[in-house]
């Protein structure tokens, strides 16, 4: 089953069934264009006088019923404990998750409240008028800190998978092409290093695992951030989400030719992120010292995700300049995503010369 087949089945069958399950009669249900690597078919649901909703239909066999229940229960828990997230909406039967089978294929269906505001990209990466951009950085950290603080008390009924359930040597060996032997070696070394880290509940728990400006909306009246897309949520070190914020922050200064200025900006940016984060939860300096390590982990996640997308699409493995850049950083042990290294070019940010794999 692929994306286009699911959309076609949606038009002829699924939308009618799902509308009845979730009480969406009278709503205008419009397909939201997919992004690269998307694993779901997503619809915007609008009806005059009613709150807007987001309908998600998952069609790939890469997640189990338990995975979806773990995700939706976690979102509901965050919402009920004050987390700024798009709440999951129960069906008419009172379920957070519904399963619809058609022609022997099972689709997993969830409905969410639509987040208020819009994404930064929809506002051309301009922040709200009259407010400093540092407010946004601070709020990014604050909202994440609140989610992590809530997660420290979370005891699931249906448990999501843990980092090492997925990221293990056997999986890396199977997924990554044999021609990238040095990369495999570096990834295995990284996993060995991570296994030596402590995993107590103050530093290791449920992470969003994809916390970036593509997965939250901003209310431009007051700056409030509402988070969604918890598809990748799993048990990991909280530092992973913070490292993800660091790696996404480079976009604000990526065209600056002076590496020292880029470094100064990133230091100030991350300090503001941490101020927001620490307003909601504690983090030890010993964990912050691991930022370079967890930036490498974000690169590993990006690389693994890229090869998973190729596999899911039935494509032969290939590497574009952006993927090769990440691979080069790991192969040559270049820290901080190469952002302060000679490998980096502000004319062609985060790209590396093509090579056959």
Protein backbone atom coordinates (compact mmCIF):
# COMPACT_ATOMS: atom_id res chain seq x y z
CA UNK A 1 0.00 0.00 0.00
CA UNK A 2 1.40 3.42 -0.94
CA UNK A 3 0.38 7.05 -0.47
CA UNK A 4 -1.50 7.48 -3.75
CA UNK A 5 -3.42 4.23 -3.29
CA UNK A 6 -4.46 5.35 0.20
CA UNK A 7 -5.66 8.72 -1.12
CA UNK A 8 -7.70 6.91 -3.78
CA UNK A 9 -9.25 4.54 -1.21
CA UNK A 10 -9.87 7.56 1.00
CA UNK A 11 -11.88 9.24 -1.74
CA UNK A 12 -13.99 6.18 -2.44
CA UNK A 13 -14.36 4.58 0.98
CA UNK A 14 -12.29 5.68 3.98
CA UNK A 15 -13.49 9.28 4.38
CA UNK A 16 -17.12 8.16 4.54
CA UNK A 17 -16.39 5.50 7.16
CA UNK A 18 -14.09 7.74 9.20
CA UNK A 19 -16.57 10.64 9.15
CA UNK A 20 -19.13 8.39 10.80
CA UNK A 21 -16.62 7.09 13.36
CA UNK A 22 -15.52 10.57 14.46
CA UNK A 23 -18.66 12.61 13.84
CA UNK A 24 -17.25 14.59 10.92
CA UNK A 25 -20.50 14.83 8.98
CA UNK A 26 -20.85 18.32 7.53
CA UNK A 27 -17.11 19.02 7.63
CA UNK A 28 -15.21 19.99 4.50
CA UNK A 29 -12.38 17.47 4.44
CA UNK A 30 -9.41 18.52 2.29
CA UNK A 31 -6.20 16.60 1.64
CA UNK A 32 -3.04 18.30 2.95
CA UNK A 33 -0.16 17.84 0.44
CA UNK A 34 2.37 15.29 1.65
CA UNK A 35 5.96 16.18 2.55
CA UNK A 36 8.96 14.04 1.61
CA UNK A 37 9.17 10.95 3.77
CA UNK A 38 5.65 11.33 5.14
CA UNK A 39 4.15 8.12 6.48
CA UNK A 40 0.52 9.26 6.69
CA UNK A 41 -2.30 10.71 4.63
CA UNK A 42 -3.46 13.87 6.40
CA UNK A 43 -6.63 15.95 5.95
CA UNK A 44 -7.78 19.34 7.17
CA UNK A 45 -11.37 19.27 8.48
CA UNK A 46 -13.32 22.56 8.52
CA UNK A 47 -16.90 23.38 9.49
CA UNK A 48 -18.41 26.78 10.18
CA UNK A 49 -18.88 27.40 13.89
CA UNK A 50 -16.82 24.34 14.91
CA UNK A 51 -13.13 24.00 15.82
CA UNK A 52 -10.92 22.84 12.95
CA UNK A 53 -9.51 19.34 13.13
CA UNK A 54 -6.72 17.30 11.56
CA UNK A 55 -7.44 13.75 10.39
CA UNK A 56 -4.53 11.32 10.04
CA UNK A 57 -4.66 7.98 8.25
CA UNK A 58 -1.58 5.77 8.58
CA UNK A 59 -1.10 3.19 5.85
CA UNK A 60 2.45 1.80 6.18
CA UNK A 61 3.01 -1.46 8.09
CA UNK A 62 5.97 0.03 10.00
CA UNK A 63 4.00 0.73 13.19
CA UNK A 64 1.81 -1.55 15.29
CA UNK A 65 -1.49 -0.92 17.06
CA UNK A 66 0.52 -0.74 20.28
CA UNK A 67 2.73 2.01 18.79
CA UNK A 68 -0.29 4.14 17.87
CA UNK A 69 -1.98 3.62 21.22
CA UNK A 70 1.28 4.56 22.96
CA UNK A 71 1.52 7.74 20.89
CA UNK A 72 -2.08 8.86 21.36
CA UNK A 73 -2.12 8.08 25.09
CA UNK A 74 1.09 10.09 25.52
CA UNK A 75 -0.40 13.09 23.66
CA UNK A 76 -3.56 12.94 25.78
CA UNK A 77 -1.44 12.75 28.96
CA UNK A 78 0.65 15.77 27.91
CA UNK A 79 -2.49 17.77 27.11
CA UNK A 80 -4.22 16.88 30.38
CA UNK A 81 -1.13 17.91 32.35
CA UNK A 82 -0.73 21.32 30.74
CA UNK A 83 1.51 20.52 27.78
CA UNK A 84 1.05 22.81 24.78
CA UNK A 85 0.08 20.09 22.29
CA UNK A 86 -2.72 19.43 19.82
CA UNK A 87 -4.99 17.12 21.75
CA UNK A 88 -6.12 13.81 20.28
CA UNK A 89 -9.91 13.58 19.88
CA UNK A 90 -11.80 10.44 20.88
CA UNK A 91 -14.07 8.73 18.37
CA UNK A 92 -17.80 8.29 18.96
CA UNK A 93 -16.91 4.94 20.51
CA UNK A 94 -14.58 6.69 22.97
CA UNK A 95 -11.38 5.43 21.30
CA UNK A 96 -8.23 7.47 20.69
CA UNK A 97 -7.42 5.16 17.79
CA UNK A 98 -9.69 3.54 15.23
CA UNK A 99 -8.76 0.75 12.84
CA UNK A 100 -10.44 0.48 9.45
CA UNK A 101 -9.85 -2.59 7.28
CA UNK A 102 -10.42 -2.47 3.53
CA UNK A 103 -9.43 -5.23 1.10
CA UNK A 104 -7.42 -6.96 3.85
CA UNK A 105 -5.37 -3.84 4.60
CA UNK A 106 -5.68 -2.13 7.98
CA UNK A 107 -5.54 1.66 8.25
CA UNK A 108 -4.95 3.32 11.62
CA UNK A 109 -6.96 6.51 12.04
CA UNK A 110 -6.59 9.37 14.54
CA UNK A 111 -8.22 12.80 14.84
CA UNK A 112 -6.54 15.83 16.42
CA UNK A 113 -7.43 19.38 17.33
CA UNK A 114 -5.88 21.77 14.83
CA UNK A 115 -3.19 23.93 16.43
CA UNK A 116 -3.87 27.65 16.61
CA UNK A 117 -1.72 29.88 14.42
CA UNK A 118 0.59 28.71 11.66
CA UNK A 119 4.05 27.40 10.99
CA UNK A 120 7.01 29.73 10.62
CA UNK A 121 7.47 28.72 6.99
CA UNK A 122 3.87 29.82 6.30
CA UNK A 123 4.86 33.24 7.64
CA UNK A 124 8.02 33.33 5.47
CA UNK A 125 10.14 32.76 8.59
CA UNK A 126 9.17 36.16 9.98
CA UNK A 127 8.38 36.20 13.67
CA UNK A 128 5.50 38.17 15.11
CA UNK A 129 5.62 41.91 14.62
CA UNK A 130 6.94 43.99 17.51
CA UNK A 131 8.51 41.04 19.36
CA UNK A 132 12.21 40.11 19.36
CA UNK A 133 13.19 36.80 17.79
CA UNK A 134 14.73 35.87 21.14
CA UNK A 135 11.18 35.53 22.48
CA UNK A 136 10.65 32.74 19.98
CA UNK A 137 13.90 30.98 20.93
CA UNK A 138 12.97 31.22 24.62
CA UNK A 139 9.46 29.87 23.97
CA UNK A 140 10.86 26.94 21.96
CA UNK A 141 12.90 25.94 24.99
CA UNK A 142 10.10 26.65 27.47
CA UNK A 143 7.48 24.54 25.67
CA UNK A 144 9.96 21.67 25.26
CA UNK A 145 10.98 21.93 28.93
CA UNK A 146 7.35 21.65 29.98
CA UNK A 147 6.82 18.55 27.82
CA UNK A 148 9.92 16.92 29.30
CA UNK A 149 8.90 17.84 32.86
CA UNK A 150 5.46 16.24 32.31
CA UNK A 151 7.13 13.18 30.74
CA UNK A 152 9.15 12.58 33.91
CA UNK A 153 5.91 11.60 35.66
CA UNK A 154 4.41 9.63 32.76
CA UNK A 155 3.56 5.96 33.40
CA UNK A 156 2.11 4.49 30.19
CA UNK A 157 -0.58 1.90 29.74
CA UNK A 158 0.65 1.18 26.21
CA UNK A 159 4.38 1.73 26.05
CA UNK A 160 6.16 3.30 23.09
CA UNK A 161 9.45 1.79 21.97
CA UNK A 162 12.79 2.86 23.37
CA UNK A 163 15.74 4.28 21.43
CA UNK A 164 17.69 1.02 21.49
CA UNK A 165 14.69 -0.98 20.30
CA UNK A 166 15.23 0.65 16.93
CA UNK A 167 18.80 1.92 16.82
CA UNK A 168 20.82 -1.25 17.08
CA UNK A 169 23.75 -2.77 15.21
CA UNK A 170 21.68 -5.37 13.34
CA UNK A 171 19.30 -2.76 11.99
CA UNK A 172 22.12 -0.45 10.89
CA UNK A 173 23.85 -3.35 9.13
CA UNK A 174 20.66 -4.27 7.27
CA UNK A 175 19.54 -0.74 6.34
CA UNK A 176 22.77 1.05 5.37
CA UNK A 177 24.42 -0.02 2.05
CA UNK A 178 27.58 -2.12 2.44
CA UNK A 179 29.54 0.43 0.39
CA UNK A 180 29.23 2.83 3.34
CA UNK A 181 31.33 0.64 5.63
CA UNK A 182 33.06 3.56 7.40
CA UNK A 183 29.69 5.13 8.17
CA UNK A 184 28.46 1.84 9.62
CA UNK A 185 31.57 1.64 11.77
CA UNK A 186 31.01 5.16 13.11
CA UNK A 187 27.34 4.48 13.84
CA UNK A 188 28.21 1.33 15.78
CA UNK A 189 30.82 3.29 17.78
CA UNK A 190 28.17 5.91 18.51
CA UNK A 191 25.72 3.28 19.76
CA UNK A 192 28.40 1.76 22.02
CA UNK A 193 29.10 5.21 23.52
CA UNK A 194 25.39 5.83 24.12
CA UNK A 195 24.92 2.48 25.86
CA UNK A 196 27.40 3.61 28.51
CA UNK A 197 25.29 6.66 29.44
CA UNK A 198 23.02 6.72 32.47
CA UNK A 199 19.29 6.31 31.80
CA UNK A 200 17.62 7.47 35.00
CA UNK A 201 14.17 9.07 34.82
CA UNK A 202 15.52 12.62 35.21
CA UNK A 203 17.48 12.42 31.96
CA UNK A 204 15.79 9.64 29.97
CA UNK A 205 12.08 9.49 29.10
CA UNK A 206 9.54 10.16 26.37
CA UNK A 207 10.85 12.58 23.73
CA UNK A 208 8.99 14.15 20.83
CA UNK A 209 12.01 13.03 18.76
CA UNK A 210 11.21 15.42 15.91
CA UNK A 211 10.82 18.77 17.68
CA UNK A 212 11.28 21.47 15.04
CA UNK A 213 9.38 24.32 13.38
CA UNK A 214 7.73 21.91 10.94
CA UNK A 215 5.97 20.19 13.81
CA UNK A 216 4.45 23.07 15.73
CA UNK A 217 2.37 26.14 15.02
CA UNK A 218 2.79 29.62 16.49
CA UNK A 219 -0.02 31.92 17.54
CA UNK A 220 1.36 35.18 16.17
CA UNK A 221 -0.86 37.20 18.52
CA UNK A 222 0.99 36.03 21.63
CA UNK A 223 3.84 33.76 20.52
CA UNK A 224 2.32 30.58 21.99
CA UNK A 225 3.70 27.38 20.42
CA UNK A 226 1.46 24.30 20.00
CA UNK A 227 3.23 21.02 19.23
CA UNK A 228 1.98 18.12 17.10
CA UNK A 229 3.26 15.19 14.98
CA UNK A 230 4.34 12.77 17.69
CA UNK A 231 4.75 9.91 15.17
CA UNK A 232 8.41 9.45 16.14
CA UNK A 233 8.01 9.87 19.90
CA UNK A 234 10.01 7.35 21.88
CA UNK A 235 12.03 6.84 25.04
CA UNK A 236 15.37 8.58 24.73
CA UNK A 237 17.61 11.03 26.54
CA UNK A 238 15.94 14.44 26.83
CA UNK A 239 19.17 15.86 25.41
CA UNK A 240 18.15 14.49 22.01
CA UNK A 241 15.29 16.97 21.64
CA UNK A 242 17.56 19.81 22.82
CA UNK A 243 20.23 18.80 20.31
CA UNK A 244 17.52 18.81 17.64
CA UNK A 245 16.72 22.41 18.55
CA UNK A 246 20.41 23.25 18.21
CA UNK A 247 20.67 21.68 14.74
CA UNK A 248 17.54 23.46 13.50
CA UNK A 249 18.80 26.78 14.86
CA UNK A 250 21.62 26.87 12.30
CA UNK A 251 19.10 27.97 9.67
CA UNK A 252 18.96 31.46 11.22
CA UNK A 253 22.64 32.12 10.49
CA UNK A 254 23.57 29.60 7.76
CA UNK A 255 24.50 32.23 5.15
CA UNK A 256 27.01 34.02 7.40
CA UNK A 257 30.52 33.49 5.93
CA UNK A 258 32.40 34.10 9.19
CA UNK A 259 32.61 30.90 11.28
CA UNK A 260 33.34 32.87 14.46
CA UNK A 261 30.14 34.87 13.99
CA UNK A 262 28.20 31.68 13.38
CA UNK A 263 29.67 30.25 16.59
CA UNK A 264 28.77 33.36 18.60
CA UNK A 265 25.21 33.32 17.27
CA UNK A 266 24.73 29.63 18.07
CA UNK A 267 26.09 30.06 21.59
CA UNK A 268 23.67 32.94 22.26
CA UNK A 269 20.77 31.14 20.56
CA UNK A 270 21.23 27.96 22.61
CA UNK A 271 21.70 29.91 25.82
CA UNK A 272 18.27 31.51 25.23
CA UNK A 273 16.76 28.09 24.43
CA UNK A 274 18.16 26.75 27.70
CA UNK A 275 16.85 29.70 29.71
CA UNK A 276 13.34 28.87 28.47
CA UNK A 277 13.87 25.16 29.03
CA UNK A 278 15.14 25.62 32.58
CA UNK A 279 12.14 27.79 33.44
CA UNK A 280 10.12 24.54 33.30
CA UNK A 281 12.49 21.70 34.20
CA UNK A 282 15.98 20.98 35.44
CA UNK A 283 18.90 19.73 33.40
CA UNK A 284 22.35 18.94 34.72
CA UNK A 285 25.42 20.60 33.23
CA UNK A 286 26.92 17.12 32.86
CA UNK A 287 24.17 16.33 30.32
CA UNK A 288 24.66 19.63 28.51
CA UNK A 289 28.33 18.70 28.12
CA UNK A 290 27.05 15.89 25.88
CA UNK A 291 25.56 18.31 23.34
CA UNK A 292 28.19 17.46 20.65
CA UNK A 293 27.47 13.75 21.17
CA UNK A 294 23.72 14.20 20.79
CA UNK A 295 24.14 16.40 17.72
CA UNK A 296 25.82 13.33 16.21
CA UNK A 297 22.79 11.28 17.28
CA UNK A 298 20.50 13.69 15.41
CA UNK A 299 22.66 13.16 12.30
CA UNK A 300 22.35 9.41 12.75
CA UNK A 301 18.56 9.76 13.01
CA UNK A 302 18.46 11.86 9.82
CA UNK A 303 20.61 9.35 7.93
CA UNK A 304 18.60 6.33 9.11
CA UNK A 305 15.36 8.14 8.25
CA UNK A 306 16.62 8.92 4.72
CA UNK A 307 17.42 5.27 4.02
CA UNK A 308 14.11 4.17 5.55
CA UNK A 309 12.23 6.48 3.18
CA UNK A 310 14.09 4.99 0.20
CA UNK A 311 13.26 1.48 1.42
CA UNK A 312 9.59 2.32 2.04
CA UNK A 313 9.33 3.83 -1.44
CA UNK A 314 10.98 0.78 -3.02
CA UNK A 315 13.88 2.92 -4.27
CA UNK A 316 17.52 1.93 -4.72
CA UNK A 317 19.74 3.58 -2.07
CA UNK A 318 21.28 6.82 -3.27
CA UNK A 319 22.74 9.89 -1.61
CA UNK A 320 22.19 13.52 -2.55
CA UNK A 321 24.56 16.30 -1.49
CA UNK A 322 22.72 16.94 1.79
CA UNK A 323 22.75 13.32 2.89
CA UNK A 324 26.41 12.99 1.89
CA UNK A 325 27.22 16.02 4.03
CA UNK A 326 25.75 14.33 7.13
CA UNK A 327 27.57 11.10 6.29
CA UNK A 328 30.89 12.97 5.88
CA UNK A 329 30.46 14.67 9.28
CA UNK A 330 30.02 11.29 10.97
CA UNK A 331 32.70 9.48 8.97
CA UNK A 332 35.32 12.14 9.73
CA UNK A 333 34.10 12.83 13.27
CA UNK A 334 33.42 16.51 12.51
CA UNK A 335 31.57 18.06 15.47
CA UNK A 336 28.56 20.42 15.53
CA UNK A 337 27.25 19.28 12.14
CA UNK A 338 30.39 20.78 10.58
CA UNK A 339 28.95 24.25 11.12
CA UNK A 340 32.25 25.74 12.33
CA UNK A 341 34.49 23.52 10.17
CA UNK A 342 36.09 24.11 6.76
CA UNK A 343 33.73 21.51 5.26
CA UNK A 344 30.92 24.05 5.59
CA UNK A 345 30.07 26.48 2.77
CA UNK A 346 27.65 29.37 3.32
CA UNK A 347 27.05 29.39 -0.47
CA UNK A 348 25.95 25.75 -0.47
CA UNK A 349 24.91 25.13 3.13
CA UNK A 350 25.16 21.55 4.39
CA UNK A 351 26.04 20.02 1.02
CA UNK A 352 28.93 17.79 0.07
CA UNK A 353 30.16 16.56 -3.29
CA UNK A 354 28.31 13.64 -4.79
CA UNK A 355 29.79 10.17 -4.78
CA UNK A 356 28.56 6.75 -5.80
CA UNK A 357 27.54 4.37 -3.06
